[in-house]
PDB file of N, CA and C in Angstrom:
ATOM      1  N   MET A   1       4.460  31.029 -15.075  1.00  0.00           N
ATOM      2  CA  MET A   1       3.104  30.489 -15.396  1.00  0.00           C
ATOM      3  C   MET A   1       2.647  29.682 -14.183  1.00  0.00           C
ATOM      4  N   SER A   2       1.463  29.934 -13.827  1.00  0.00           N
ATOM      5  CA  SER A   2       0.864  29.205 -12.679  1.00  0.00           C
ATOM      6  C   SER A   2       0.329  27.832 -13.066  1.00  0.00           C
ATOM      7  N   ASP A   3       0.510  26.936 -12.082  1.00  0.00           N
ATOM      8  CA  ASP A   3       0.033  25.557 -12.340  1.00  0.00           C
ATOM      9  C   ASP A   3      -1.378  25.322 -11.807  1.00  0.00           C
ATOM     10  N   ASP A   4      -2.026  26.432 -11.305  1.00  0.00           N
ATOM     11  CA  ASP A   4      -3.386  26.385 -10.693  1.00  0.00           C
ATOM     12  C   ASP A   4      -4.344  25.724 -11.675  1.00  0.00           C
ATOM     13  N   LYS A   5      -4.216  26.008 -13.006  1.00  0.00           N
ATOM     14  CA  LYS A   5      -5.205  25.387 -13.938  1.00  0.00           C
ATOM     15  C   LYS A   5      -5.097  23.852 -13.978  1.00  0.00           C
ATOM     16  N   ASN A   6      -3.985  23.329 -13.584  1.00  0.00           N
ATOM     17  CA  ASN A   6      -3.689  21.874 -13.598  1.00  0.00           C
ATOM     18  C   ASN A   6      -4.163  21.208 -12.330  1.00  0.00           C
ATOM     19  N   VAL A   7      -4.527  21.955 -11.305  1.00  0.00           N
ATOM     20  CA  VAL A   7      -4.903  21.453 -10.050  1.00  0.00           C
ATOM     21  C   VAL A   7      -6.419  21.197 -10.020  1.00  0.00           C
ATOM     22  N   ILE A   8      -6.795  19.947  -9.674  1.00  0.00           N
ATOM     23  CA  ILE A   8      -8.208  19.591  -9.634  1.00  0.00           C
ATOM     24  C   ILE A   8      -8.554  19.569  -8.157  1.00  0.00           C
ATOM     25  N   ARG A   9      -9.378  20.430  -7.768  1.00  0.00           N
ATOM     26  CA  ARG A   9      -9.790  20.520  -6.359  1.00  0.00           C
ATOM     27  C   ARG A   9     -11.064  19.529  -6.109  1.00  0.00           C
ATOM     28  N   PHE A  10     -10.985  18.879  -4.999  1.00  0.00           N
ATOM     29  CA  PHE A  10     -12.084  18.035  -4.625  1.00  0.00           C
ATOM     30  C   PHE A  10     -12.914  18.730  -3.529  1.00  0.00           C
ATOM     31  N   PRO A  11     -14.028  19.018  -3.842  1.00  0.00           N
ATOM     32  CA  PRO A  11     -14.907  19.801  -2.939  1.00  0.00           C
ATOM     33  C   PRO A  11     -15.255  18.906  -1.754  1.00  0.00           C
ATOM     34  N   ILE A  12     -15.171  19.506  -0.581  1.00  0.00           N
ATOM     35  CA  ILE A  12     -15.629  18.805   0.616  1.00  0.00           C
ATOM     36  C   ILE A  12     -16.636  19.677   1.363  1.00  0.00           C
ATOM     37  N   SER A  13     -17.530  19.085   2.180  1.00  0.00           N
ATOM     38  CA  SER A  13     -18.517  19.826   2.803  1.00  0.00           C
ATOM     39  C   SER A  13     -17.895  20.681   3.999  1.00  0.00           C
ATOM     40  N   TYR A  14     -18.631  21.677   4.468  1.00  0.00           N
ATOM     41  CA  TYR A  14     -18.299  22.322   5.669  1.00  0.00           C
ATOM     42  C   TYR A  14     -18.041  21.428   6.835  1.00  0.00           C
ATOM     43  N   ASP A  15     -18.952  20.530   7.040  1.00  0.00           N
ATOM     44  CA  ASP A  15     -18.833  19.572   8.125  1.00  0.00           C
ATOM     45  C   ASP A  15     -17.556  18.734   8.076  1.00  0.00           C
ATOM     46  N   GLN A  16     -17.283  18.248   6.870  1.00  0.00           N
ATOM     47  CA  GLN A  16     -16.021  17.488   6.711  1.00  0.00           C
ATOM     48  C   GLN A  16     -14.837  18.337   7.010  1.00  0.00           C
ATOM     49  N   ARG A  17     -14.803  19.535   6.519  1.00  0.00           N
ATOM     50  CA  ARG A  17     -13.744  20.459   6.717  1.00  0.00           C
ATOM     51  C   ARG A  17     -13.437  20.740   8.250  1.00  0.00           C
ATOM     52  N   MET A  18     -14.595  20.872   8.978  1.00  0.00           N
ATOM     53  CA  MET A  18     -14.480  21.112  10.412  1.00  0.00           C
ATOM     54  C   MET A  18     -13.972  19.837  11.103  1.00  0.00           C
ATOM     55  N   LYS A  19     -14.369  18.663  10.750  1.00  0.00           N
ATOM     56  CA  LYS A  19     -13.908  17.439  11.283  1.00  0.00           C
ATOM     57  C   LYS A  19     -12.474  17.296  10.983  1.00  0.00           C
ATOM     58  N   ASN A  20     -11.997  17.633   9.829  1.00  0.00           N
ATOM     59  CA  ASN A  20     -10.592  17.555   9.459  1.00  0.00           C
ATOM     60  C   ASN A  20      -9.754  18.526  10.262  1.00  0.00           C
ATOM     61  N   GLN A  21     -10.276  19.721  10.537  1.00  0.00           N
ATOM     62  CA  GLN A  21      -9.565  20.720  11.280  1.00  0.00           C
ATOM     63  C   GLN A  21      -9.576  20.359  12.788  1.00  0.00           C
ATOM     64  N   ARG A  22     -10.650  19.902  13.364  1.00  0.00           N
ATOM     65  CA  ARG A  22     -10.722  19.710  14.798  1.00  0.00           C
ATOM     66  C   ARG A  22     -10.327  18.378  15.294  1.00  0.00           C
ATOM     67  N   GLY A  23     -10.319  17.379  14.420  1.00  0.00           N
ATOM     68  CA  GLY A  23      -9.874  16.100  14.761  1.00  0.00           C
ATOM     69  C   GLY A  23     -10.942  15.035  15.072  1.00  0.00           C
ATOM     70  N   VAL A  24     -10.533  13.859  15.411  1.00  0.00           N
ATOM     71  CA  VAL A  24     -11.380  12.742  15.593  1.00  0.00           C
ATOM     72  C   VAL A  24     -12.458  12.990  16.673  1.00  0.00           C
ATOM     73  N   GLY A  25     -12.115  13.680  17.726  1.00  0.00           N
ATOM     74  CA  GLY A  25     -13.091  13.922  18.840  1.00  0.00           C
ATOM     75  C   GLY A  25     -14.121  14.939  18.612  1.00  0.00           C
ATOM     76  N   TYR A  26     -14.272  15.470  17.503  1.00  0.00           N
ATOM     77  CA  TYR A  26     -15.175  16.561  17.174  1.00  0.00           C
ATOM     78  C   TYR A  26     -16.562  15.941  16.824  1.00  0.00           C
ATOM     79  N   VAL A  27     -17.605  16.443  17.605  1.00  0.00           N
ATOM     80  CA  VAL A  27     -19.010  16.127  17.324  1.00  0.00           C
ATOM     81  C   VAL A  27     -19.762  17.330  17.265  1.00  0.00           C
ATOM     82  N   PRO A  28     -20.338  17.738  16.123  1.00  0.00           N
ATOM     83  CA  PRO A  28     -21.010  18.991  15.932  1.00  0.00           C
ATOM     84  C   PRO A  28     -22.478  18.861  16.293  1.00  0.00           C
ATOM     85  N   CYS A  29     -23.046  20.014  16.806  1.00  0.00           N
ATOM     86  CA  CYS A  29     -24.485  20.069  17.000  1.00  0.00           C
ATOM     87  C   CYS A  29     -25.096  20.410  15.682  1.00  0.00           C
ATOM     88  N   GLU A  30     -26.208  19.841  15.352  1.00  0.00           N
ATOM     89  CA  GLU A  30     -26.865  19.965  13.975  1.00  0.00           C
ATOM     90  C   GLU A  30     -27.734  21.232  13.917  1.00  0.00           C
ATOM     91  N   VAL A  31     -28.087  21.877  15.023  1.00  0.00           N
ATOM     92  CA  VAL A  31     -28.918  23.074  15.090  1.00  0.00           C
ATOM     93  C   VAL A  31     -28.321  24.314  15.633  1.00  0.00           C
ATOM     94  N   SER A  32     -27.019  24.236  16.101  1.00  0.00           N
ATOM     95  CA  SER A  32     -26.404  25.470  16.583  1.00  0.00           C
ATOM     96  C   SER A  32     -24.892  25.455  16.233  1.00  0.00           C
ATOM     97  N   SER A  33     -24.197  26.449  16.694  1.00  0.00           N
ATOM     98  CA  SER A  33     -22.745  26.542  16.357  1.00  0.00           C
ATOM     99  C   SER A  33     -21.988  25.846  17.516  1.00  0.00           C
ATOM    100  N   ARG A  34     -22.601  25.059  18.338  1.00  0.00           N
ATOM    101  CA  ARG A  34     -21.891  24.330  19.447  1.00  0.00           C
ATOM    102  C   ARG A  34     -21.435  22.972  19.000  1.00  0.00           C
ATOM    103  N   TYR A  35     -20.469  22.511  19.736  1.00  0.00           N
ATOM    104  CA  TYR A  35     -19.912  21.193  19.428  1.00  0.00           C
ATOM    105  C   TYR A  35     -19.190  20.576  20.660  1.00  0.00           C
ATOM    106  N   LEU A  36     -19.119  19.287  20.583  1.00  0.00           N
ATOM    107  CA  LEU A  36     -18.318  18.569  21.679  1.00  0.00           C
ATOM    108  C   LEU A  36     -16.972  18.310  21.100  1.00  0.00           C
ATOM    109  N   LEU A  37     -15.966  18.408  21.958  1.00  0.00           N
ATOM    110  CA  LEU A  37     -14.602  17.983  21.588  1.00  0.00           C
ATOM    111  C   LEU A  37     -14.075  17.048  22.586  1.00  0.00           C
ATOM    112  N   PHE A  38     -14.032  15.746  22.257  1.00  0.00           N
ATOM    113  CA  PHE A  38     -13.631  14.704  23.196  1.00  0.00           C
ATOM    114  C   PHE A  38     -12.160  14.588  23.191  1.00  0.00           C
ATOM    115  N   ASN A  39     -11.584  14.335  24.338  1.00  0.00           N
ATOM    116  CA  ASN A  39     -10.193  13.929  24.577  1.00  0.00           C
ATOM    117  C   ASN A  39     -10.205  12.452  24.198  1.00  0.00           C
ATOM    118  N   ASN A  40      -9.159  12.009  23.483  1.00  0.00           N
ATOM    119  CA  ASN A  40      -9.137  10.590  23.138  1.00  0.00           C
ATOM    120  C   ASN A  40      -8.500   9.662  24.156  1.00  0.00           C
ATOM    121  N   TYR A  41      -8.312  10.247  25.394  1.00  0.00           N
ATOM    122  CA  TYR A  41      -7.677   9.479  26.475  1.00  0.00           C
ATOM    123  C   TYR A  41      -8.718   9.076  27.493  1.00  0.00           C
ATOM    124  N   VAL A  42      -8.865   7.810  27.872  1.00  0.00           N
ATOM    125  CA  VAL A  42      -9.659   7.421  28.908  1.00  0.00           C
ATOM    126  C   VAL A  42      -8.801   7.013  30.058  1.00  0.00           C
ATOM    127  N   ASP A  43      -8.955   7.639  31.286  1.00  0.00           N
ATOM    128  CA  ASP A  43      -8.095   7.334  32.380  1.00  0.00           C
ATOM    129  C   ASP A  43      -8.352   6.002  33.023  1.00  0.00           C
ATOM    130  N   ASP A  44      -7.603   5.697  34.059  1.00  0.00           N
ATOM    131  CA  ASP A  44      -7.656   4.357  34.740  1.00  0.00           C
ATOM    132  C   ASP A  44      -9.001   4.159  35.392  1.00  0.00           C
ATOM    133  N   ASN A  45      -9.718   5.230  35.704  1.00  0.00           N
ATOM    134  CA  ASN A  45     -11.060   5.119  36.337  1.00  0.00           C
ATOM    135  C   ASN A  45     -12.170   5.022  35.261  1.00  0.00           C
ATOM    136  N   GLY A  46     -11.823   4.996  34.017  1.00  0.00           N
ATOM    137  CA  GLY A  46     -12.788   4.931  32.950  1.00  0.00           C
ATOM    138  C   GLY A  46     -13.483   6.239  32.645  1.00  0.00           C
ATOM    139  N   LEU A  47     -12.810   7.355  33.004  1.00  0.00           N
ATOM    140  CA  LEU A  47     -13.347   8.660  32.713  1.00  0.00           C
ATOM    141  C   LEU A  47     -12.762   9.250  31.439  1.00  0.00           C
ATOM    142  N   ILE A  48     -13.618  10.048  30.768  1.00  0.00           N
ATOM    143  CA  ILE A  48     -13.128  10.746  29.598  1.00  0.00           C
ATOM    144  C   ILE A  48     -13.553  12.196  29.725  1.00  0.00           C
ATOM    145  N   MET A  49     -12.737  13.129  29.245  1.00  0.00           N
ATOM    146  CA  MET A  49     -12.997  14.525  29.369  1.00  0.00           C
ATOM    147  C   MET A  49     -13.419  15.026  27.955  1.00  0.00           C
ATOM    148  N   MET A  50     -14.483  15.887  28.045  1.00  0.00           N
ATOM    149  CA  MET A  50     -14.857  16.583  26.743  1.00  0.00           C
ATOM    150  C   MET A  50     -15.105  18.048  27.042  1.00  0.00           C
ATOM    151  N   ASN A  51     -14.916  18.828  26.031  1.00  0.00           N
ATOM    152  CA  ASN A  51     -15.207  20.277  26.124  1.00  0.00           C
ATOM    153  C   ASN A  51     -16.527  20.464  25.355  1.00  0.00           C
ATOM    154  N   VAL A  52     -17.375  21.366  25.925  1.00  0.00           N
ATOM    155  CA  VAL A  52     -18.499  21.882  25.164  1.00  0.00           C
ATOM    156  C   VAL A  52     -18.038  23.245  24.650  1.00  0.00           C
ATOM    157  N   ARG A  53     -18.012  23.460  23.342  1.00  0.00           N
ATOM    158  CA  ARG A  53     -17.500  24.581  22.694  1.00  0.00           C
ATOM    159  C   ARG A  53     -18.498  25.287  21.798  1.00  0.00           C
ATOM    160  N   THR A  54     -18.275  26.455  21.391  1.00  0.00           N
ATOM    161  CA  THR A  54     -19.075  27.190  20.491  1.00  0.00           C
ATOM    162  C   THR A  54     -18.208  27.926  19.515  1.00  0.00           C
ATOM    163  N   ASN A  55     -18.722  28.014  18.325  1.00  0.00           N
ATOM    164  CA  ASN A  55     -18.012  28.900  17.309  1.00  0.00           C
ATOM    165  C   ASN A  55     -19.004  29.946  16.862  1.00  0.00           C
ATOM    166  N   ASN A  56     -19.682  30.615  17.805  1.00  0.00           N
ATOM    167  CA  ASN A  56     -20.620  31.621  17.501  1.00  0.00           C
ATOM    168  C   ASN A  56     -19.946  32.911  16.999  1.00  0.00           C
ATOM    169  N   GLY A  57     -20.394  33.362  15.788  1.00  0.00           N
ATOM    170  CA  GLY A  57     -19.787  34.498  15.277  1.00  0.00           C
ATOM    171  C   GLY A  57     -18.360  34.439  14.819  1.00  0.00           C
ATOM    172  N   GLY A  58     -17.884  33.181  14.599  1.00  0.00           N
ATOM    173  CA  GLY A  58     -16.580  32.974  14.182  1.00  0.00           C
ATOM    174  C   GLY A  58     -15.465  32.981  15.246  1.00  0.00           C
ATOM    175  N   SER A  59     -15.962  33.228  16.512  1.00  0.00           N
ATOM    176  CA  SER A  59     -15.051  33.181  17.546  1.00  0.00           C
ATOM    177  C   SER A  59     -15.135  31.874  18.365  1.00  0.00           C
ATOM    178  N   ASP A  60     -14.158  31.063  18.218  1.00  0.00           N
ATOM    179  CA  ASP A  60     -14.149  29.690  18.860  1.00  0.00           C
ATOM    180  C   ASP A  60     -13.859  29.857  20.356  1.00  0.00           C
ATOM    181  N   ARG A  61     -14.758  29.366  21.265  1.00  0.00           N
ATOM    182  CA  ARG A  61     -14.434  29.376  22.683  1.00  0.00           C
ATOM    183  C   ARG A  61     -15.087  28.204  23.416  1.00  0.00           C
ATOM    184  N   LYS A  62     -14.475  27.898  24.528  1.00  0.00           N
ATOM    185  CA  LYS A  62     -14.942  26.864  25.403  1.00  0.00           C
ATOM    186  C   LYS A  62     -16.022  27.272  26.336  1.00  0.00           C
ATOM    187  N   LEU A  63     -17.157  26.611  26.416  1.00  0.00           N
ATOM    188  CA  LEU A  63     -18.255  26.935  27.381  1.00  0.00           C
ATOM    189  C   LEU A  63     -17.967  26.267  28.656  1.00  0.00           C
ATOM    190  N   CYS A  64     -17.644  24.944  28.626  1.00  0.00           N
ATOM    191  CA  CYS A  64     -17.429  24.280  29.861  1.00  0.00           C
ATOM    192  C   CYS A  64     -16.694  22.932  29.563  1.00  0.00           C
ATOM    193  N   ASP A  65     -16.145  22.313  30.612  1.00  0.00           N
ATOM    194  CA  ASP A  65     -15.585  20.937  30.464  1.00  0.00           C
ATOM    195  C   ASP A  65     -16.575  20.015  31.171  1.00  0.00           C
ATOM    196  N   MET A  66     -16.597  18.803  30.661  1.00  0.00           N
ATOM    197  CA  MET A  66     -17.378  17.743  31.287  1.00  0.00           C
ATOM    198  C   MET A  66     -16.492  16.519  31.401  1.00  0.00           C
ATOM    199  N   VAL A  67     -16.540  15.759  32.479  1.00  0.00           N
ATOM    200  CA  VAL A  67     -15.883  14.574  32.726  1.00  0.00           C
ATOM    201  C   VAL A  67     -16.940  13.461  32.963  1.00  0.00           C
ATOM    202  N   VAL A  68     -16.995  12.523  32.061  1.00  0.00           N
ATOM    203  CA  VAL A  68     -18.036  11.512  32.211  1.00  0.00           C
ATOM    204  C   VAL A  68     -17.418  10.081  32.089  1.00  0.00           C
ATOM    205  N   HIS A  69     -18.143   9.062  32.478  1.00  0.00           N
ATOM    206  CA  HIS A  69     -17.683   7.692  32.422  1.00  0.00           C
ATOM    207  C   HIS A  69     -17.800   7.290  30.928  1.00  0.00           C
ATOM    208  N   PHE A  70     -16.735   6.712  30.389  1.00  0.00           N
ATOM    209  CA  PHE A  70     -16.751   6.221  29.044  1.00  0.00           C
ATOM    210  C   PHE A  70     -17.786   5.203  28.841  1.00  0.00           C
ATOM    211  N   ASP A  71     -17.958   4.296  29.789  1.00  0.00           N
ATOM    212  CA  ASP A  71     -18.971   3.253  29.683  1.00  0.00           C
ATOM    213  C   ASP A  71     -20.417   3.797  29.593  1.00  0.00           C
ATOM    214  N   ASP A  72     -20.604   4.940  30.306  1.00  0.00           N
ATOM    215  CA  ASP A  72     -21.942   5.555  30.159  1.00  0.00           C
ATOM    216  C   ASP A  72     -22.205   6.013  28.732  1.00  0.00           C
ATOM    217  N   LEU A  73     -21.205   6.568  28.042  1.00  0.00           N
ATOM    218  CA  LEU A  73     -21.285   7.061  26.679  1.00  0.00           C
ATOM    219  C   LEU A  73     -21.605   5.855  25.738  1.00  0.00           C
ATOM    220  N   VAL A  74     -20.840   4.777  25.956  1.00  0.00           N
ATOM    221  CA  VAL A  74     -21.010   3.606  25.144  1.00  0.00           C
ATOM    222  C   VAL A  74     -22.446   3.001  25.330  1.00  0.00           C
ATOM    223  N   GLU A  75     -22.880   2.951  26.604  1.00  0.00           N
ATOM    224  CA  GLU A  75     -24.230   2.474  26.907  1.00  0.00           C
ATOM    225  C   GLU A  75     -25.312   3.268  26.228  1.00  0.00           C
ATOM    226  N   LEU A  76     -25.111   4.599  26.289  1.00  0.00           N
ATOM    227  CA  LEU A  76     -26.088   5.562  25.633  1.00  0.00           C
ATOM    228  C   LEU A  76     -26.159   5.329  24.152  1.00  0.00           C
ATOM    229  N   VAL A  77     -24.952   5.255  23.491  1.00  0.00           N
ATOM    230  CA  VAL A  77     -24.892   5.146  22.046  1.00  0.00           C
ATOM    231  C   VAL A  77     -25.538   3.817  21.659  1.00  0.00           C
ATOM    232  N   ASN A  78     -25.208   2.715  22.355  1.00  0.00           N
ATOM    233  CA  ASN A  78     -25.655   1.437  22.068  1.00  0.00           C
ATOM    234  C   ASN A  78     -27.284   1.356  22.232  1.00  0.00           C
ATOM    235  N   SER A  79     -27.805   2.062  23.229  1.00  0.00           N
ATOM    236  CA  SER A  79     -29.202   2.161  23.439  1.00  0.00           C
ATOM    237  C   SER A  79     -29.880   2.828  22.396  1.00  0.00           C
ATOM    238  N   VAL A  80     -29.383   3.923  21.925  1.00  0.00           N
ATOM    239  CA  VAL A  80     -30.008   4.746  20.846  1.00  0.00           C
ATOM    240  C   VAL A  80     -29.841   3.886  19.532  1.00  0.00           C
ATOM    241  N   TYR A  81     -28.774   3.342  19.318  1.00  0.00           N
ATOM    242  CA  TYR A  81     -28.566   2.465  18.127  1.00  0.00           C
ATOM    243  C   TYR A  81     -29.614   1.342  18.084  1.00  0.00           C
ATOM    244  N   ASP A  82     -29.770   0.605  19.208  1.00  0.00           N
ATOM    245  CA  ASP A  82     -30.691  -0.448  19.316  1.00  0.00           C
ATOM    246  C   ASP A  82     -32.185  -0.034  19.061  1.00  0.00           C
ATOM    247  N   SER A  83     -32.500   1.141  19.590  1.00  0.00           N
ATOM    248  CA  SER A  83     -33.908   1.651  19.445  1.00  0.00           C
ATOM    249  C   SER A  83     -34.130   2.014  17.996  1.00  0.00           C
ATOM    250  N   ARG A  84     -33.119   2.551  17.278  1.00  0.00           N
ATOM    251  CA  ARG A  84     -33.278   2.921  15.856  1.00  0.00           C
ATOM    252  C   ARG A  84     -33.371   1.693  14.994  1.00  0.00           C
ATOM    253  N   LYS A  85     -32.594   0.653  15.442  1.00  0.00           N
ATOM    254  CA  LYS A  85     -32.541  -0.533  14.600  1.00  0.00           C
ATOM    255  C   LYS A  85     -33.962  -1.313  14.757  1.00  0.00           C
ATOM    256  N   ASN A  86     -34.622  -1.181  15.845  1.00  0.00           N
ATOM    257  CA  ASN A  86     -35.792  -1.905  16.100  1.00  0.00           C
ATOM    258  C   ASN A  86     -37.046  -1.213  15.489  1.00  0.00           C
ATOM    259  N   LYS A  87     -36.880  -0.088  14.868  1.00  0.00           N
ATOM    260  CA  LYS A  87     -38.049   0.671  14.243  1.00  0.00           C
ATOM    261  C   LYS A  87     -38.344   0.093  12.925  1.00  0.00           C
TER     262      LYS A  87
END
């Protein structure tokens, strides 16, 4: 006899499932199948690597790598946050 009838499944959204599968560094695009995948390591020069990836047609592939200054990302996010807060 199967215990499946005793299992209560908690539904999660597609976005949450992708975040769970791809990890903390996953940032999805809201209008395409592309996403950023950040490395969680910042080197001694303050650089962080990210992949620009796509999951077009179910085939996950890397489009390119980018290496950016971590402080530039923080500055950008803070600037956007401040502009939204002041509206």
